[in-house]
Amino acid sequence: MTIVAKMNLPEVRVAVVVSDFNSLVTDRLLTGALNELSKRGVSDGHVTVVRVPGAMEIPRVAKQLSELPDIDGVVTLGAVVRGSTDHYQFVAGETAHGIAEAALTGGAPITFGVLTTADMAAALDRAGGKSGNKGSEAAAALLDMVSVTRQIAEL
């Protein structure tokens, strides 16, 4: 037996947690994620967007949402851009760790769409520029994970 993700899941209910910090980037990631969800058959009425102040707030809200009975999966979106201090290292590392922990211990699947880049130009490139849209990729990965976990639950 081989389990493969199904392309369209019209009845899936998705939450998207997006950081307001660096909104020039995160708004583009959100647009990419919402477009991908729509393209894959998820209706607007089945998508809940939750805005949080910054990347550090994403993991707690993502885990909380993943444990709700009406949420099938959570996409996390943010942008941590390196500055001239060590702040970047702590925020990027702890955000990644927190999202990973939430994904492992929460209820529904959670995918990682938080950019950690050297500068704003690189962030914009990954938020719909020449490197694609990582928000779109995180949404696609989430739908694949929802499909796979549903199939595993039926074994």
N, C-alpha and C. Protein backbone atom coordinates (compact mmCIF):
# COMPACT_ATOMS: atom_id res chain seq x y z
N MET A 1 0.84 -1.19 0.00
CA MET A 1 0.00 0.00 0.00
C MET A 1 0.89 1.25 0.00
N THR A 2 0.49 2.20 -0.78
CA THR A 2 1.17 3.50 -0.82
C THR A 2 0.15 4.59 -0.55
N ILE A 3 0.48 5.47 0.36
CA ILE A 3 -0.40 6.59 0.67
C ILE A 3 0.16 7.83 -0.03
N VAL A 4 -0.69 8.45 -0.83
CA VAL A 4 -0.30 9.67 -1.54
C VAL A 4 -1.35 10.74 -1.28
N ALA A 5 -0.91 11.98 -1.26
CA ALA A 5 -1.83 13.09 -1.02
C ALA A 5 -2.81 13.22 -2.18
N LYS A 6 -4.05 13.48 -1.85
CA LYS A 6 -5.07 13.76 -2.86
C LYS A 6 -5.03 15.24 -3.16
N MET A 7 -5.27 15.61 -4.40
CA MET A 7 -5.10 17.00 -4.81
C MET A 7 -6.13 17.96 -4.24
N ASN A 8 -7.40 17.62 -4.27
CA ASN A 8 -8.43 18.56 -3.82
C ASN A 8 -9.15 18.05 -2.59
N LEU A 9 -9.29 18.91 -1.62
CA LEU A 9 -10.00 18.60 -0.38
C LEU A 9 -11.00 19.72 -0.11
N PRO A 10 -12.12 19.75 -0.81
CA PRO A 10 -13.04 20.88 -0.72
C PRO A 10 -13.65 21.10 0.66
N GLU A 11 -13.78 20.06 1.45
CA GLU A 11 -14.42 20.21 2.76
C GLU A 11 -13.43 20.50 3.89
N VAL A 12 -12.16 20.62 3.56
CA VAL A 12 -11.16 20.86 4.60
C VAL A 12 -11.32 22.26 5.18
N ARG A 13 -11.07 22.37 6.47
CA ARG A 13 -11.12 23.67 7.16
C ARG A 13 -9.71 24.01 7.63
N VAL A 14 -9.24 25.16 7.17
CA VAL A 14 -7.85 25.55 7.38
C VAL A 14 -7.77 26.86 8.15
N ALA A 15 -6.80 26.93 9.04
CA ALA A 15 -6.47 28.20 9.71
C ALA A 15 -5.11 28.65 9.18
N VAL A 16 -4.97 29.94 9.01
CA VAL A 16 -3.69 30.53 8.60
C VAL A 16 -3.31 31.53 9.67
N VAL A 17 -2.15 31.30 10.30
CA VAL A 17 -1.64 32.23 11.30
C VAL A 17 -0.56 33.05 10.63
N VAL A 18 -0.74 34.36 10.61
CA VAL A 18 0.20 35.23 9.90
C VAL A 18 0.64 36.37 10.81
N SER A 19 1.93 36.62 10.80
CA SER A 19 2.51 37.70 11.60
C SER A 19 2.28 39.04 10.92
N ASP A 20 1.92 40.03 11.72
CA ASP A 20 1.79 41.39 11.20
C ASP A 20 3.14 42.07 11.01
N PHE A 21 4.15 41.63 11.78
CA PHE A 21 5.48 42.23 11.66
C PHE A 21 6.04 41.90 10.28
N ASN A 22 6.65 42.87 9.63
CA ASN A 22 7.13 42.74 8.25
C ASN A 22 5.97 42.47 7.30
N SER A 23 4.89 43.22 7.47
CA SER A 23 3.67 42.99 6.70
C SER A 23 3.86 43.18 5.19
N LEU A 24 4.87 43.93 4.78
CA LEU A 24 5.16 44.05 3.36
C LEU A 24 5.41 42.67 2.76
N VAL A 25 6.02 41.80 3.55
CA VAL A 25 6.32 40.44 3.13
C VAL A 25 5.17 39.50 3.49
N THR A 26 4.71 39.57 4.72
CA THR A 26 3.73 38.58 5.18
C THR A 26 2.38 38.72 4.48
N ASP A 27 2.01 39.92 4.08
CA ASP A 27 0.77 40.07 3.31
C ASP A 27 0.86 39.34 1.97
N ARG A 28 2.05 39.34 1.37
CA ARG A 28 2.26 38.63 0.11
C ARG A 28 2.25 37.12 0.33
N LEU A 29 2.83 36.68 1.45
CA LEU A 29 2.78 35.26 1.78
C LEU A 29 1.33 34.82 1.98
N LEU A 30 0.56 35.65 2.66
CA LEU A 30 -0.85 35.33 2.91
C LEU A 30 -1.62 35.24 1.59
N THR A 31 -1.39 36.18 0.70
CA THR A 31 -2.06 36.14 -0.61
C THR A 31 -1.72 34.86 -1.34
N GLY A 32 -0.46 34.47 -1.31
CA GLY A 32 -0.04 33.23 -1.95
C GLY A 32 -0.71 32.01 -1.34
N ALA A 33 -0.79 31.99 0.00
CA ALA A 33 -1.43 30.86 0.68
C ALA A 33 -2.91 30.79 0.35
N LEU A 34 -3.59 31.92 0.40
CA LEU A 34 -5.03 31.93 0.12
C LEU A 34 -5.31 31.55 -1.33
N ASN A 35 -4.48 32.01 -2.25
CA ASN A 35 -4.65 31.64 -3.66
C ASN A 35 -4.47 30.13 -3.85
N GLU A 36 -3.49 29.55 -3.19
CA GLU A 36 -3.24 28.12 -3.31
C GLU A 36 -4.39 27.31 -2.73
N LEU A 37 -4.88 27.73 -1.58
CA LEU A 37 -6.01 27.02 -0.97
C LEU A 37 -7.22 27.06 -1.89
N SER A 38 -7.49 28.22 -2.47
CA SER A 38 -8.61 28.36 -3.40
C SER A 38 -8.41 27.49 -4.64
N LYS A 39 -7.21 27.52 -5.17
CA LYS A 39 -6.88 26.73 -6.36
C LYS A 39 -7.07 25.23 -6.10
N ARG A 40 -6.81 24.82 -4.86
CA ARG A 40 -6.93 23.40 -4.51
C ARG A 40 -8.32 23.04 -4.00
N GLY A 41 -9.30 23.96 -4.13
CA GLY A 41 -10.68 23.63 -3.84
C GLY A 41 -11.20 23.98 -2.46
N VAL A 42 -10.41 24.66 -1.65
CA VAL A 42 -10.87 25.05 -0.32
C VAL A 42 -11.68 26.34 -0.45
N SER A 43 -12.91 26.31 0.02
CA SER A 43 -13.76 27.50 -0.10
C SER A 43 -13.35 28.57 0.90
N ASP A 44 -13.58 29.81 0.54
CA ASP A 44 -13.23 30.94 1.42
C ASP A 44 -13.86 30.79 2.80
N GLY A 45 -15.06 30.26 2.85
CA GLY A 45 -15.76 30.09 4.12
C GLY A 45 -15.13 29.05 5.02
N HIS A 46 -14.19 28.26 4.50
CA HIS A 46 -13.52 27.24 5.29
C HIS A 46 -12.11 27.65 5.69
N VAL A 47 -11.78 28.93 5.51
CA VAL A 47 -10.46 29.43 5.86
C VAL A 47 -10.60 30.52 6.93
N THR A 48 -9.87 30.34 8.02
CA THR A 48 -9.83 31.33 9.09
C THR A 48 -8.42 31.91 9.13
N VAL A 49 -8.31 33.23 9.00
CA VAL A 49 -7.01 33.90 9.09
C VAL A 49 -6.90 34.54 10.46
N VAL A 50 -5.81 34.24 11.14
CA VAL A 50 -5.56 34.82 12.46
C VAL A 50 -4.26 35.61 12.38
N ARG A 51 -4.35 36.90 12.68
CA ARG A 51 -3.16 37.76 12.66
C ARG A 51 -2.60 37.88 14.07
N VAL A 52 -1.29 37.73 14.16
CA VAL A 52 -0.59 37.87 15.44
C VAL A 52 0.47 38.96 15.28
N PRO A 53 0.94 39.54 16.40
CA PRO A 53 1.88 40.67 16.29
C PRO A 53 3.19 40.34 15.59
N GLY A 54 3.81 39.21 15.96
CA GLY A 54 5.11 38.87 15.40
C GLY A 54 5.31 37.38 15.30
N ALA A 55 6.48 36.99 14.82
CA ALA A 55 6.77 35.57 14.60
C ALA A 55 6.75 34.77 15.89
N MET A 56 7.20 35.35 16.99
CA MET A 56 7.25 34.61 18.26
C MET A 56 5.86 34.21 18.76
N GLU A 57 4.84 34.91 18.32
CA GLU A 57 3.47 34.60 18.76
C GLU A 57 2.82 33.51 17.91
N ILE A 58 3.41 33.17 16.81
CA ILE A 58 2.83 32.18 15.90
C ILE A 58 2.66 30.80 16.53
N PRO A 59 3.69 30.23 17.17
CA PRO A 59 3.56 28.84 17.65
C PRO A 59 2.39 28.61 18.61
N ARG A 60 2.20 29.50 19.57
CA ARG A 60 1.13 29.30 20.55
C ARG A 60 -0.24 29.28 19.87
N VAL A 61 -0.46 30.23 18.99
CA VAL A 61 -1.75 30.33 18.31
C VAL A 61 -1.94 29.15 17.35
N ALA A 62 -0.87 28.76 16.67
CA ALA A 62 -0.96 27.61 15.76
C ALA A 62 -1.34 26.35 16.52
N LYS A 63 -0.73 26.12 17.66
CA LYS A 63 -1.06 24.92 18.43
C LYS A 63 -2.50 24.99 18.93
N GLN A 64 -2.90 26.14 19.44
CA GLN A 64 -4.27 26.30 19.94
C GLN A 64 -5.28 26.00 18.82
N LEU A 65 -5.03 26.54 17.64
CA LEU A 65 -5.93 26.30 16.51
C LEU A 65 -5.93 24.84 16.09
N SER A 66 -4.75 24.20 16.12
CA SER A 66 -4.65 22.80 15.69
C SER A 66 -5.44 21.85 16.58
N GLU A 67 -5.76 22.30 17.77
CA GLU A 67 -6.48 21.46 18.71
C GLU A 67 -8.00 21.67 18.66
N LEU A 68 -8.45 22.62 17.84
CA LEU A 68 -9.88 22.85 17.70
C LEU A 68 -10.50 21.77 16.82
N PRO A 69 -11.68 21.28 17.18
CA PRO A 69 -12.29 20.20 16.40
C PRO A 69 -12.68 20.59 14.97
N ASP A 70 -12.89 21.85 14.70
CA ASP A 70 -13.31 22.28 13.36
C ASP A 70 -12.16 22.74 12.47
N ILE A 71 -10.93 22.54 12.91
CA ILE A 71 -9.77 22.92 12.12
C ILE A 71 -9.02 21.65 11.70
N ASP A 72 -8.81 21.49 10.40
CA ASP A 72 -8.13 20.31 9.88
C ASP A 72 -6.64 20.52 9.70
N GLY A 73 -6.20 21.76 9.69
CA GLY A 73 -4.78 22.04 9.53
C GLY A 73 -4.49 23.53 9.65
N VAL A 74 -3.22 23.83 9.93
CA VAL A 74 -2.81 25.22 10.17
C VAL A 74 -1.56 25.54 9.35
N VAL A 75 -1.61 26.65 8.64
CA VAL A 75 -0.47 27.19 7.92
C VAL A 75 0.10 28.33 8.76
N THR A 76 1.41 28.35 8.94
CA THR A 76 2.03 29.46 9.67
C THR A 76 2.83 30.30 8.68
N LEU A 77 2.68 31.63 8.79
CA LEU A 77 3.36 32.55 7.88
C LEU A 77 3.99 33.70 8.65
N GLY A 78 5.23 33.99 8.35
CA GLY A 78 5.91 35.11 8.98
C GLY A 78 7.18 35.44 8.22
N ALA A 79 7.85 36.48 8.65
CA ALA A 79 9.12 36.88 8.04
C ALA A 79 10.04 37.46 9.10
N VAL A 80 11.16 36.79 9.29
CA VAL A 80 12.18 37.27 10.22
C VAL A 80 13.38 37.65 9.36
N VAL A 81 13.70 38.93 9.36
CA VAL A 81 14.77 39.45 8.50
C VAL A 81 15.95 39.85 9.38
N ARG A 82 17.12 39.37 9.00
CA ARG A 82 18.34 39.64 9.78
C ARG A 82 18.58 41.15 9.88
N GLY A 83 18.94 41.58 11.05
CA GLY A 83 19.29 42.98 11.27
C GLY A 83 20.72 43.06 11.74
N SER A 84 21.04 44.13 12.41
CA SER A 84 22.42 44.33 12.85
C SER A 84 22.67 43.81 14.27
N THR A 85 21.67 43.17 14.88
CA THR A 85 21.84 42.64 16.23
C THR A 85 21.61 41.13 16.23
N ASP A 86 21.81 40.50 17.37
CA ASP A 86 21.59 39.06 17.52
C ASP A 86 20.11 38.70 17.65
N HIS A 87 19.25 39.69 17.70
CA HIS A 87 17.82 39.46 17.86
C HIS A 87 17.28 38.47 16.83
N TYR A 88 17.74 38.58 15.61
CA TYR A 88 17.30 37.71 14.51
C TYR A 88 17.48 36.24 14.87
N GLN A 89 18.66 35.88 15.37
CA GLN A 89 18.96 34.48 15.69
C GLN A 89 17.96 33.92 16.70
N PHE A 90 17.68 34.69 17.73
CA PHE A 90 16.78 34.21 18.77
C PHE A 90 15.36 34.08 18.25
N VAL A 91 14.89 35.07 17.54
CA VAL A 91 13.51 35.04 17.03
C VAL A 91 13.35 33.92 16.01
N ALA A 92 14.27 33.83 15.06
CA ALA A 92 14.17 32.80 14.02
C ALA A 92 14.24 31.41 14.63
N GLY A 93 15.20 31.19 15.49
CA GLY A 93 15.37 29.86 16.10
C GLY A 93 14.22 29.44 16.98
N GLU A 94 13.80 30.35 17.84
CA GLU A 94 12.72 30.00 18.76
C GLU A 94 11.38 29.86 18.05
N THR A 95 11.17 30.66 17.01
CA THR A 95 9.93 30.52 16.24
C THR A 95 9.90 29.16 15.54
N ALA A 96 11.00 28.79 14.91
CA ALA A 96 11.07 27.50 14.23
C ALA A 96 10.88 26.37 15.23
N HIS A 97 11.54 26.46 16.36
CA HIS A 97 11.41 25.42 17.39
C HIS A 97 9.97 25.35 17.90
N GLY A 98 9.36 26.48 18.16
CA GLY A 98 7.99 26.51 18.66
C GLY A 98 6.99 25.94 17.68
N ILE A 99 7.16 26.25 16.41
CA ILE A 99 6.24 25.72 15.40
C ILE A 99 6.45 24.20 15.26
N ALA A 100 7.70 23.76 15.28
CA ALA A 100 7.98 22.32 15.20
C ALA A 100 7.35 21.59 16.38
N GLU A 101 7.49 22.14 17.57
CA GLU A 101 6.90 21.52 18.76
C GLU A 101 5.38 21.48 18.66
N ALA A 102 4.79 22.57 18.20
CA ALA A 102 3.34 22.61 18.03
C ALA A 102 2.89 21.58 17.01
N ALA A 103 3.66 21.43 15.94
CA ALA A 103 3.31 20.45 14.89
C ALA A 103 3.37 19.03 15.43
N LEU A 104 4.33 18.77 16.31
CA LEU A 104 4.48 17.42 16.85
C LEU A 104 3.51 17.10 17.97
N THR A 105 3.08 18.11 18.70
CA THR A 105 2.24 17.86 19.88
C THR A 105 0.81 18.33 19.73
N GLY A 106 0.52 19.10 18.70
CA GLY A 106 -0.83 19.61 18.49
C GLY A 106 -1.72 18.55 17.87
N GLY A 107 -2.92 18.94 17.55
CA GLY A 107 -3.88 18.00 16.98
C GLY A 107 -3.75 17.86 15.48
N ALA A 108 -4.09 18.89 14.75
CA ALA A 108 -4.08 18.87 13.28
C ALA A 108 -2.68 19.21 12.76
N PRO A 109 -2.38 18.84 11.51
CA PRO A 109 -1.08 19.19 10.93
C PRO A 109 -0.85 20.71 10.90
N ILE A 110 0.41 21.08 11.04
CA ILE A 110 0.84 22.48 10.99
C ILE A 110 2.03 22.54 10.03
N THR A 111 2.00 23.50 9.09
CA THR A 111 3.14 23.65 8.19
C THR A 111 3.86 24.97 8.43
N PHE A 112 5.13 24.98 8.05
CA PHE A 112 6.04 26.09 8.34
C PHE A 112 6.21 26.97 7.10
N GLY A 113 5.74 28.20 7.20
CA GLY A 113 5.88 29.17 6.12
C GLY A 113 6.49 30.47 6.63
N VAL A 114 7.43 30.35 7.55
CA VAL A 114 8.08 31.53 8.12
C VAL A 114 9.42 31.71 7.42
N LEU A 115 9.58 32.84 6.76
CA LEU A 115 10.84 33.14 6.09
C LEU A 115 11.86 33.62 7.10
N THR A 116 13.09 33.17 6.94
CA THR A 116 14.21 33.67 7.73
C THR A 116 15.29 34.04 6.72
N THR A 117 15.41 35.33 6.47
CA THR A 117 16.28 35.77 5.38
C THR A 117 17.32 36.78 5.85
N ALA A 118 18.32 36.93 5.02
CA ALA A 118 19.42 37.85 5.33
C ALA A 118 19.01 39.30 5.17
N ASP A 119 18.08 39.57 4.25
CA ASP A 119 17.68 40.95 4.03
C ASP A 119 16.26 41.00 3.45
N MET A 120 15.73 42.19 3.35
CA MET A 120 14.36 42.37 2.88
C MET A 120 14.21 41.96 1.41
N ALA A 121 15.22 42.19 0.61
CA ALA A 121 15.15 41.80 -0.81
C ALA A 121 14.96 40.29 -0.94
N ALA A 122 15.68 39.52 -0.14
CA ALA A 122 15.54 38.06 -0.19
C ALA A 122 14.16 37.64 0.29
N ALA A 123 13.64 38.31 1.29
CA ALA A 123 12.30 38.00 1.79
C ALA A 123 11.26 38.26 0.70
N LEU A 124 11.37 39.38 0.03
CA LEU A 124 10.41 39.72 -1.03
C LEU A 124 10.52 38.74 -2.21
N ASP A 125 11.74 38.29 -2.50
CA ASP A 125 11.93 37.30 -3.56
C ASP A 125 11.18 36.00 -3.25
N ARG A 126 11.12 35.64 -1.97
CA ARG A 126 10.48 34.39 -1.55
C ARG A 126 8.99 34.57 -1.26
N ALA A 127 8.52 35.81 -1.34
CA ALA A 127 7.11 36.11 -1.07
C ALA A 127 6.40 36.57 -2.34
N GLY A 128 6.68 35.86 -3.43
CA GLY A 128 6.03 36.19 -4.69
C GLY A 128 6.97 36.75 -5.73
N GLY A 129 8.24 36.85 -5.40
CA GLY A 129 9.22 37.35 -6.36
C GLY A 129 9.83 36.22 -7.16
N LYS A 130 11.08 36.38 -7.52
CA LYS A 130 11.72 35.42 -8.43
C LYS A 130 11.92 34.03 -7.81
N SER A 131 11.80 33.90 -6.50
CA SER A 131 11.94 32.59 -5.85
C SER A 131 10.60 31.95 -5.53
N GLY A 132 9.54 32.46 -6.11
CA GLY A 132 8.21 31.88 -5.86
C GLY A 132 7.56 32.47 -4.63
N ASN A 133 6.53 31.80 -4.15
CA ASN A 133 5.82 32.27 -2.97
C ASN A 133 5.78 31.14 -1.94
N LYS A 134 6.52 31.31 -0.87
CA LYS A 134 6.61 30.27 0.16
C LYS A 134 5.30 30.13 0.93
N GLY A 135 4.45 31.14 0.90
CA GLY A 135 3.12 31.02 1.49
C GLY A 135 2.28 30.03 0.72
N SER A 136 2.36 30.10 -0.59
CA SER A 136 1.68 29.15 -1.46
C SER A 136 2.20 27.74 -1.21
N GLU A 137 3.50 27.59 -1.10
CA GLU A 137 4.10 26.27 -0.86
C GLU A 137 3.69 25.71 0.50
N ALA A 138 3.62 26.55 1.52
CA ALA A 138 3.20 26.08 2.84
C ALA A 138 1.75 25.63 2.84
N ALA A 139 0.90 26.34 2.09
CA ALA A 139 -0.51 25.95 1.99
C ALA A 139 -0.66 24.63 1.24
N ALA A 140 0.09 24.45 0.16
CA ALA A 140 0.05 23.20 -0.60
C ALA A 140 0.53 22.04 0.27
N ALA A 141 1.60 22.26 1.01
CA ALA A 141 2.12 21.22 1.90
C ALA A 141 1.10 20.86 2.98
N LEU A 142 0.39 21.86 3.48
CA LEU A 142 -0.63 21.58 4.51
C LEU A 142 -1.72 20.68 3.95
N LEU A 143 -2.23 21.00 2.78
CA LEU A 143 -3.30 20.18 2.20
C LEU A 143 -2.81 18.75 1.96
N ASP A 144 -1.57 18.61 1.54
CA ASP A 144 -1.01 17.27 1.37
C ASP A 144 -0.95 16.53 2.71
N MET A 145 -0.54 17.24 3.75
CA MET A 145 -0.45 16.61 5.08
C MET A 145 -1.83 16.25 5.62
N VAL A 146 -2.82 17.09 5.40
CA VAL A 146 -4.18 16.77 5.84
C VAL A 146 -4.64 15.50 5.14
N SER A 147 -4.41 15.42 3.85
CA SER A 147 -4.82 14.25 3.08
C SER A 147 -4.12 12.99 3.60
N VAL A 148 -2.81 13.07 3.77
CA VAL A 148 -2.04 11.92 4.22
C VAL A 148 -2.46 11.48 5.63
N THR A 149 -2.61 12.42 6.53
CA THR A 149 -2.97 12.04 7.91
C THR A 149 -4.38 11.46 7.98
N ARG A 150 -5.27 11.94 7.14
CA ARG A 150 -6.62 11.37 7.09
C ARG A 150 -6.57 9.91 6.62
N GLN A 151 -5.75 9.67 5.60
CA GLN A 151 -5.64 8.31 5.08
C GLN A 151 -4.98 7.37 6.10
N ILE A 152 -3.99 7.87 6.81
CA ILE A 152 -3.35 7.05 7.84
C ILE A 152 -4.36 6.72 8.94
N ALA A 153 -5.19 7.68 9.30
CA ALA A 153 -6.20 7.45 10.35
C ALA A 153 -7.19 6.36 9.97
N GLU A 154 -7.36 6.14 8.68
CA GLU A 154 -8.30 5.13 8.21
C GLU A 154 -7.70 3.73 8.12
N LEU A 155 -6.40 3.60 8.37
CA LEU A 155 -5.76 2.27 8.30
C LEU A 155 -6.28 1.34 9.39
